[in-house]
PDB file of N, CA and C in Angstrom:
ATOM      1  N   UNK A   1      27.376  -0.761 -28.482  1.00  0.00           N
ATOM      2  CA  UNK A   1      27.979  -1.771 -27.789  1.00  0.00           C
ATOM      3  C   UNK A   1      28.373  -2.946 -28.397  1.00  0.00           C
ATOM      4  N   UNK A   2      28.097  -2.850 -29.697  1.00  0.00           N
ATOM      5  CA  UNK A   2      28.303  -4.086 -30.437  1.00  0.00           C
ATOM      6  C   UNK A   2      29.876  -4.308 -30.741  1.00  0.00           C
ATOM      7  N   UNK A   3      30.164  -5.464 -30.699  1.00  0.00           N
ATOM      8  CA  UNK A   3      31.701  -5.567 -30.538  1.00  0.00           C
ATOM      9  C   UNK A   3      32.369  -5.097 -29.293  1.00  0.00           C
ATOM     10  N   UNK A   4      31.749  -4.876 -27.912  1.00  0.00           N
ATOM     11  CA  UNK A   4      32.562  -4.440 -26.979  1.00  0.00           C
ATOM     12  C   UNK A   4      31.795  -5.613 -25.865  1.00  0.00           C
ATOM     13  N   UNK A   5      32.278  -6.705 -25.768  1.00  0.00           N
ATOM     14  CA  UNK A   5      31.897  -7.660 -25.040  1.00  0.00           C
ATOM     15  C   UNK A   5      31.991  -7.467 -23.586  1.00  0.00           C
ATOM     16  N   UNK A   6      33.021  -6.685 -23.318  1.00  0.00           N
ATOM     17  CA  UNK A   6      33.424  -6.278 -21.633  1.00  0.00           C
ATOM     18  C   UNK A   6      32.162  -5.310 -21.402  1.00  0.00           C
ATOM     19  N   UNK A   7      32.022  -4.295 -22.226  1.00  0.00           N
ATOM     20  CA  UNK A   7      30.658  -3.472 -21.917  1.00  0.00           C
ATOM     21  C   UNK A   7      29.409  -3.905 -21.901  1.00  0.00           C
ATOM     22  N   UNK A   8      29.196  -4.947 -22.707  1.00  0.00           N
ATOM     23  CA  UNK A   8      27.867  -5.632 -22.475  1.00  0.00           C
ATOM     24  C   UNK A   8      27.735  -6.639 -21.197  1.00  0.00           C
ATOM     25  N   UNK A   9      28.910  -6.971 -20.735  1.00  0.00           N
ATOM     26  CA  UNK A   9      29.074  -7.904 -19.564  1.00  0.00           C
ATOM     27  C   UNK A   9      28.708  -6.868 -18.440  1.00  0.00           C
ATOM     28  N   UNK A  10      29.250  -5.642 -18.553  1.00  0.00           N
ATOM     29  CA  UNK A  10      29.045  -4.450 -17.275  1.00  0.00           C
ATOM     30  C   UNK A  10      27.728  -3.991 -17.286  1.00  0.00           C
ATOM     31  N   UNK A  11      26.812  -4.353 -18.396  1.00  0.00           N
ATOM     32  CA  UNK A  11      25.655  -3.774 -18.482  1.00  0.00           C
ATOM     33  C   UNK A  11      24.669  -4.900 -18.046  1.00  0.00           C
ATOM     34  N   UNK A  12      24.858  -6.005 -17.937  1.00  0.00           N
ATOM     35  CA  UNK A  12      24.131  -7.424 -17.872  1.00  0.00           C
ATOM     36  C   UNK A  12      24.023  -7.762 -16.392  1.00  0.00           C
ATOM     37  N   UNK A  13      22.935  -8.103 -15.932  1.00  0.00           N
ATOM     38  CA  UNK A  13      23.011  -8.583 -14.682  1.00  0.00           C
ATOM     39  C   UNK A  13      22.065 -10.127 -14.636  1.00  0.00           C
ATOM     40  N   UNK A  14      22.457 -10.903 -13.918  1.00  0.00           N
ATOM     41  CA  UNK A  14      21.918 -12.173 -13.522  1.00  0.00           C
ATOM     42  C   UNK A  14      20.980 -12.097 -12.415  1.00  0.00           C
ATOM     43  N   UNK A  15      20.737 -11.034 -11.702  1.00  0.00           N
ATOM     44  CA  UNK A  15      20.096 -10.658 -10.501  1.00  0.00           C
ATOM     45  C   UNK A  15      18.967  -9.832 -10.877  1.00  0.00           C
ATOM     46  N   UNK A  16      17.693 -10.417 -11.076  1.00  0.00           N
ATOM     47  CA  UNK A  16      16.560  -9.617 -11.581  1.00  0.00           C
ATOM     48  C   UNK A  16      15.339 -10.125 -10.855  1.00  0.00           C
ATOM     49  N   UNK A  17      14.203  -9.341 -10.882  1.00  0.00           N
ATOM     50  CA  UNK A  17      12.816  -9.806 -10.436  1.00  0.00           C
ATOM     51  C   UNK A  17      11.813  -9.669 -11.646  1.00  0.00           C
ATOM     52  N   UNK A  18      11.385 -10.868 -11.841  1.00  0.00           N
ATOM     53  CA  UNK A  18      10.116 -10.751 -12.982  1.00  0.00           C
ATOM     54  C   UNK A  18      10.879 -10.401 -14.296  1.00  0.00           C
ATOM     55  N   UNK A  19       9.859 -10.616 -15.599  1.00  0.00           N
ATOM     56  CA  UNK A  19      10.224 -10.628 -16.871  1.00  0.00           C
ATOM     57  C   UNK A  19       9.136 -10.249 -17.754  1.00  0.00           C
ATOM     58  N   UNK A  20       9.266  -9.384 -18.621  1.00  0.00           N
ATOM     59  CA  UNK A  20       8.289  -8.944 -19.352  1.00  0.00           C
ATOM     60  C   UNK A  20       8.584  -9.185 -20.825  1.00  0.00           C
ATOM     61  N   UNK A  21       7.601  -9.900 -21.702  1.00  0.00           N
ATOM     62  CA  UNK A  21       8.016 -10.045 -23.093  1.00  0.00           C
ATOM     63  C   UNK A  21       6.941  -9.366 -23.686  1.00  0.00           C
ATOM     64  N   UNK A  22       7.615  -8.447 -24.631  1.00  0.00           N
ATOM     65  CA  UNK A  22       6.921  -7.396 -25.327  1.00  0.00           C
ATOM     66  C   UNK A  22       7.124  -7.771 -26.823  1.00  0.00           C
ATOM     67  N   UNK A  23       5.857  -7.743 -27.672  1.00  0.00           N
ATOM     68  CA  UNK A  23       5.932  -8.004 -28.950  1.00  0.00           C
ATOM     69  C   UNK A  23       5.754  -6.695 -29.756  1.00  0.00           C
ATOM     70  N   UNK A  24       4.654  -5.827 -29.119  1.00  0.00           N
ATOM     71  CA  UNK A  24       4.314  -4.575 -29.854  1.00  0.00           C
ATOM     72  C   UNK A  24       4.390  -3.451 -28.634  1.00  0.00           C
ATOM     73  N   UNK A  25       5.599  -2.998 -28.412  1.00  0.00           N
ATOM     74  CA  UNK A  25       5.779  -1.926 -27.380  1.00  0.00           C
ATOM     75  C   UNK A  25       4.777  -0.951 -27.446  1.00  0.00           C
ATOM     76  N   UNK A  26       4.774  -0.394 -28.367  1.00  0.00           N
ATOM     77  CA  UNK A  26       3.752   1.036 -28.463  1.00  0.00           C
ATOM     78  C   UNK A  26       2.485   0.552 -28.454  1.00  0.00           C
ATOM     79  N   UNK A  27       1.944  -0.683 -28.452  1.00  0.00           N
ATOM     80  CA  UNK A  27       0.607  -0.972 -28.315  1.00  0.00           C
ATOM     81  C   UNK A  27       0.403  -1.738 -26.829  1.00  0.00           C
ATOM     82  N   UNK A  28       1.322  -2.002 -26.065  1.00  0.00           N
ATOM     83  CA  UNK A  28       1.241  -2.724 -24.848  1.00  0.00           C
ATOM     84  C   UNK A  28       0.915  -1.706 -23.554  1.00  0.00           C
ATOM     85  N   UNK A  29      -0.103  -2.074 -22.812  1.00  0.00           N
ATOM     86  CA  UNK A  29      -0.143  -1.224 -21.567  1.00  0.00           C
ATOM     87  C   UNK A  29       0.949  -1.552 -20.690  1.00  0.00           C
ATOM     88  N   UNK A  30       1.237  -2.798 -20.676  1.00  0.00           N
ATOM     89  CA  UNK A  30       2.575  -3.178 -19.768  1.00  0.00           C
ATOM     90  C   UNK A  30       3.650  -2.184 -20.110  1.00  0.00           C
ATOM     91  N   UNK A  31       4.166  -2.231 -21.463  1.00  0.00           N
ATOM     92  CA  UNK A  31       5.230  -1.501 -21.705  1.00  0.00           C
ATOM     93  C   UNK A  31       5.379  -0.122 -21.574  1.00  0.00           C
ATOM     94  N   UNK A  32       4.000   0.558 -21.545  1.00  0.00           N
ATOM     95  CA  UNK A  32       3.757   1.897 -21.287  1.00  0.00           C
ATOM     96  C   UNK A  32       3.726   1.958 -19.596  1.00  0.00           C
ATOM     97  N   UNK A  33       3.405   1.165 -19.027  1.00  0.00           N
ATOM     98  CA  UNK A  33       3.342   1.280 -17.482  1.00  0.00           C
ATOM     99  C   UNK A  33       4.830   1.014 -17.045  1.00  0.00           C
ATOM    100  N   UNK A  34       5.735   0.217 -17.795  1.00  0.00           N
ATOM    101  CA  UNK A  34       7.083   0.087 -17.194  1.00  0.00           C
ATOM    102  C   UNK A  34       7.842   0.908 -18.139  1.00  0.00           C
ATOM    103  N   UNK A  35       7.395   1.926 -18.945  1.00  0.00           N
ATOM    104  CA  UNK A  35       7.998   3.043 -19.611  1.00  0.00           C
ATOM    105  C   UNK A  35       9.230   2.365 -20.573  1.00  0.00           C
ATOM    106  N   UNK A  36       8.606   1.176 -21.118  1.00  0.00           N
ATOM    107  CA  UNK A  36       9.561   0.723 -22.300  1.00  0.00           C
ATOM    108  C   UNK A  36       8.815   0.666 -23.593  1.00  0.00           C
ATOM    109  N   UNK A  37       7.591   1.495 -23.778  1.00  0.00           N
ATOM    110  CA  UNK A  37       6.982   1.585 -24.929  1.00  0.00           C
ATOM    111  C   UNK A  37       7.618   2.108 -26.202  1.00  0.00           C
ATOM    112  N   UNK A  38       8.714   2.578 -26.100  1.00  0.00           N
ATOM    113  CA  UNK A  38       9.516   3.068 -27.059  1.00  0.00           C
ATOM    114  C   UNK A  38      10.657   2.277 -27.395  1.00  0.00           C
ATOM    115  N   UNK A  39      10.673   1.160 -26.540  1.00  0.00           N
ATOM    116  CA  UNK A  39      11.993   0.275 -26.953  1.00  0.00           C
ATOM    117  C   UNK A  39      11.454  -0.799 -27.907  1.00  0.00           C
ATOM    118  N   UNK A  40      12.765  -1.459 -28.440  1.00  0.00           N
ATOM    119  CA  UNK A  40      12.491  -2.450 -29.452  1.00  0.00           C
ATOM    120  C   UNK A  40      11.797  -3.881 -28.702  1.00  0.00           C
ATOM    121  N   UNK A  41      11.059  -4.487 -29.523  1.00  0.00           N
ATOM    122  CA  UNK A  41      10.412  -5.893 -28.969  1.00  0.00           C
ATOM    123  C   UNK A  41      11.470  -6.711 -28.323  1.00  0.00           C
ATOM    124  N   UNK A  42      11.279  -7.354 -27.220  1.00  0.00           N
ATOM    125  CA  UNK A  42      12.088  -8.324 -26.599  1.00  0.00           C
ATOM    126  C   UNK A  42      11.643  -8.403 -25.278  1.00  0.00           C
ATOM    127  N   UNK A  43      12.496  -9.194 -24.437  1.00  0.00           N
ATOM    128  CA  UNK A  43      12.307  -9.559 -23.124  1.00  0.00           C
ATOM    129  C   UNK A  43      13.121  -8.584 -22.077  1.00  0.00           C
ATOM    130  N   UNK A  44      12.209  -8.068 -21.335  1.00  0.00           N
ATOM    131  CA  UNK A  44      12.767  -7.234 -20.203  1.00  0.00           C
ATOM    132  C   UNK A  44      12.630  -7.514 -18.761  1.00  0.00           C
ATOM    133  N   UNK A  45      13.499  -7.155 -18.209  1.00  0.00           N
ATOM    134  CA  UNK A  45      13.217  -7.431 -16.672  1.00  0.00           C
ATOM    135  C   UNK A  45      12.744  -6.270 -16.018  1.00  0.00           C
ATOM    136  N   UNK A  46      11.848  -6.688 -15.089  1.00  0.00           N
ATOM    137  CA  UNK A  46      10.895  -5.794 -14.200  1.00  0.00           C
ATOM    138  C   UNK A  46      11.806  -5.025 -13.205  1.00  0.00           C
ATOM    139  N   UNK A  47      12.548  -5.713 -12.523  1.00  0.00           N
ATOM    140  CA  UNK A  47      13.365  -4.984 -11.544  1.00  0.00           C
ATOM    141  C   UNK A  47      14.870  -5.610 -11.655  1.00  0.00           C
ATOM    142  N   UNK A  48      15.942  -4.783 -11.676  1.00  0.00           N
ATOM    143  CA  UNK A  48      17.264  -5.492 -11.630  1.00  0.00           C
ATOM    144  C   UNK A  48      18.262  -4.997 -10.418  1.00  0.00           C
ATOM    145  N   UNK A  49      18.701  -5.525  -9.741  1.00  0.00           N
ATOM    146  CA  UNK A  49      19.508  -5.363  -8.519  1.00  0.00           C
ATOM    147  C   UNK A  49      20.617  -4.931  -8.931  1.00  0.00           C
ATOM    148  N   UNK A  50      20.992  -3.796  -8.482  1.00  0.00           N
ATOM    149  CA  UNK A  50      22.185  -2.915  -8.778  1.00  0.00           C
ATOM    150  C   UNK A  50      21.749  -1.863  -9.890  1.00  0.00           C
ATOM    151  N   UNK A  51      23.025  -1.036 -10.281  1.00  0.00           N
ATOM    152  CA  UNK A  51      22.921  -0.131 -11.214  1.00  0.00           C
ATOM    153  C   UNK A  51      24.046  -0.020 -12.197  1.00  0.00           C
ATOM    154  N   UNK A  52      23.869   0.564 -13.480  1.00  0.00           N
ATOM    155  CA  UNK A  52      25.017   0.493 -14.347  1.00  0.00           C
ATOM    156  C   UNK A  52      26.273   1.204 -13.661  1.00  0.00           C
ATOM    157  N   UNK A  53      27.591   1.017 -14.210  1.00  0.00           N
ATOM    158  CA  UNK A  53      28.567   1.677 -13.631  1.00  0.00           C
ATOM    159  C   UNK A  53      28.418   2.975 -13.816  1.00  0.00           C
ATOM    160  N   UNK A  54      29.084   4.022 -13.096  1.00  0.00           N
ATOM    161  CA  UNK A  54      29.023   5.341 -13.288  1.00  0.00           C
ATOM    162  C   UNK A  54      29.580   5.967 -14.503  1.00  0.00           C
ATOM    163  N   UNK A  55      30.563   5.306 -15.184  1.00  0.00           N
ATOM    164  CA  UNK A  55      30.921   5.659 -16.215  1.00  0.00           C
ATOM    165  C   UNK A  55      30.229   5.453 -17.397  1.00  0.00           C
ATOM    166  N   UNK A  56      29.302   4.590 -17.492  1.00  0.00           N
ATOM    167  CA  UNK A  56      28.651   4.195 -18.460  1.00  0.00           C
ATOM    168  C   UNK A  56      27.336   5.037 -18.237  1.00  0.00           C
ATOM    169  N   UNK A  57      26.844   5.294 -17.007  1.00  0.00           N
ATOM    170  CA  UNK A  57      25.807   6.317 -16.934  1.00  0.00           C
ATOM    171  C   UNK A  57      26.355   7.794 -17.353  1.00  0.00           C
ATOM    172  N   UNK A  58      27.443   8.013 -17.235  1.00  0.00           N
ATOM    173  CA  UNK A  58      27.964   9.438 -17.631  1.00  0.00           C
ATOM    174  C   UNK A  58      27.899   9.672 -19.190  1.00  0.00           C
ATOM    175  N   UNK A  59      28.403   8.357 -19.813  1.00  0.00           N
ATOM    176  CA  UNK A  59      28.480   8.139 -21.493  1.00  0.00           C
ATOM    177  C   UNK A  59      26.995   8.544 -21.914  1.00  0.00           C
ATOM    178  N   UNK A  60      25.983   7.632 -21.079  1.00  0.00           N
ATOM    179  CA  UNK A  60      24.515   7.813 -21.781  1.00  0.00           C
ATOM    180  C   UNK A  60      24.336   9.371 -21.646  1.00  0.00           C
ATOM    181  N   UNK A  61      24.430   9.927 -20.463  1.00  0.00           N
ATOM    182  CA  UNK A  61      24.106  11.522 -20.501  1.00  0.00           C
ATOM    183  C   UNK A  61      24.578  12.337 -21.163  1.00  0.00           C
ATOM    184  N   UNK A  62      25.852  12.094 -21.696  1.00  0.00           N
ATOM    185  CA  UNK A  62      26.482  13.040 -22.713  1.00  0.00           C
ATOM    186  C   UNK A  62      25.987  12.598 -23.780  1.00  0.00           C
ATOM    187  N   UNK A  63      25.098  11.493 -24.069  1.00  0.00           N
ATOM    188  CA  UNK A  63      24.495  11.407 -25.621  1.00  0.00           C
ATOM    189  C   UNK A  63      23.129  11.957 -25.609  1.00  0.00           C
ATOM    190  N   UNK A  64      22.743  12.244 -24.260  1.00  0.00           N
ATOM    191  CA  UNK A  64      21.355  12.806 -24.295  1.00  0.00           C
ATOM    192  C   UNK A  64      20.380  11.728 -24.130  1.00  0.00           C
ATOM    193  N   UNK A  65      21.064  10.850 -23.355  1.00  0.00           N
ATOM    194  CA  UNK A  65      19.946   9.619 -23.015  1.00  0.00           C
ATOM    195  C   UNK A  65      19.672   9.461 -21.622  1.00  0.00           C
ATOM    196  N   UNK A  66      18.304   9.746 -21.160  1.00  0.00           N
ATOM    197  CA  UNK A  66      18.040   9.685 -19.771  1.00  0.00           C
ATOM    198  C   UNK A  66      18.119   8.163 -19.285  1.00  0.00           C
ATOM    199  N   UNK A  67      19.061   7.932 -18.388  1.00  0.00           N
ATOM    200  CA  UNK A  67      19.136   6.441 -17.636  1.00  0.00           C
ATOM    201  C   UNK A  67      17.960   6.607 -16.402  1.00  0.00           C
ATOM    202  N   UNK A  68      17.262   5.584 -16.569  1.00  0.00           N
ATOM    203  CA  UNK A  68      16.056   5.396 -15.464  1.00  0.00           C
ATOM    204  C   UNK A  68      16.485   3.941 -14.958  1.00  0.00           C
ATOM    205  N   UNK A  69      17.306   3.810 -13.685  1.00  0.00           N
ATOM    206  CA  UNK A  69      17.635   2.951 -13.012  1.00  0.00           C
ATOM    207  C   UNK A  69      16.332   1.997 -12.911  1.00  0.00           C
ATOM    208  N   UNK A  70      16.563   0.766 -13.039  1.00  0.00           N
ATOM    209  CA  UNK A  70      15.577  -0.363 -12.845  1.00  0.00           C
ATOM    210  C   UNK A  70      15.813  -1.252 -11.476  1.00  0.00           C
ATOM    211  N   UNK A  71      16.480  -0.429 -10.331  1.00  0.00           N
ATOM    212  CA  UNK A  71      16.560  -1.010  -9.157  1.00  0.00           C
ATOM    213  C   UNK A  71      15.625  -0.784  -7.958  1.00  0.00           C
ATOM    214  N   UNK A  72      14.793   0.137  -8.451  1.00  0.00           N
ATOM    215  CA  UNK A  72      13.725   0.683  -7.552  1.00  0.00           C
ATOM    216  C   UNK A  72      13.815   1.856  -7.157  1.00  0.00           C
ATOM    217  N   UNK A  73      15.181   2.428  -7.448  1.00  0.00           N
ATOM    218  CA  UNK A  73      15.488   3.730  -6.784  1.00  0.00           C
ATOM    219  C   UNK A  73      14.998   4.880  -7.676  1.00  0.00           C
ATOM    220  N   UNK A  74      14.496   4.986  -8.827  1.00  0.00           N
ATOM    221  CA  UNK A  74      13.805   5.874  -9.401  1.00  0.00           C
ATOM    222  C   UNK A  74      12.550   6.344  -8.673  1.00  0.00           C
ATOM    223  N   UNK A  75      12.165   7.386  -8.472  1.00  0.00           N
ATOM    224  CA  UNK A  75      10.698   8.022  -7.988  1.00  0.00           C
ATOM    225  C   UNK A  75      10.234   8.819  -8.728  1.00  0.00           C
ATOM    226  N   UNK A  76       9.980   8.363  -9.971  1.00  0.00           N
ATOM    227  CA  UNK A  76       9.113   9.303 -10.840  1.00  0.00           C
ATOM    228  C   UNK A  76       7.890   8.712 -11.389  1.00  0.00           C
TER     229      UNK A  76
END
């Protein structure tokens, strides 16, 4: 998404509940609980209102990336 500000804006939301700051994702029980233990260190929303646009979900799927929505609809 580097260099594609429109795509970044499509994947960014101001509507979220809670935030998690993770410095060592692989060592953090909170990161494991939120399934972000393989992500980069950073600040992540606990829950986000809305979902990614369908074309972006399709693009992720075509690249073998499993999208797990953070809107509370994932039941796994």
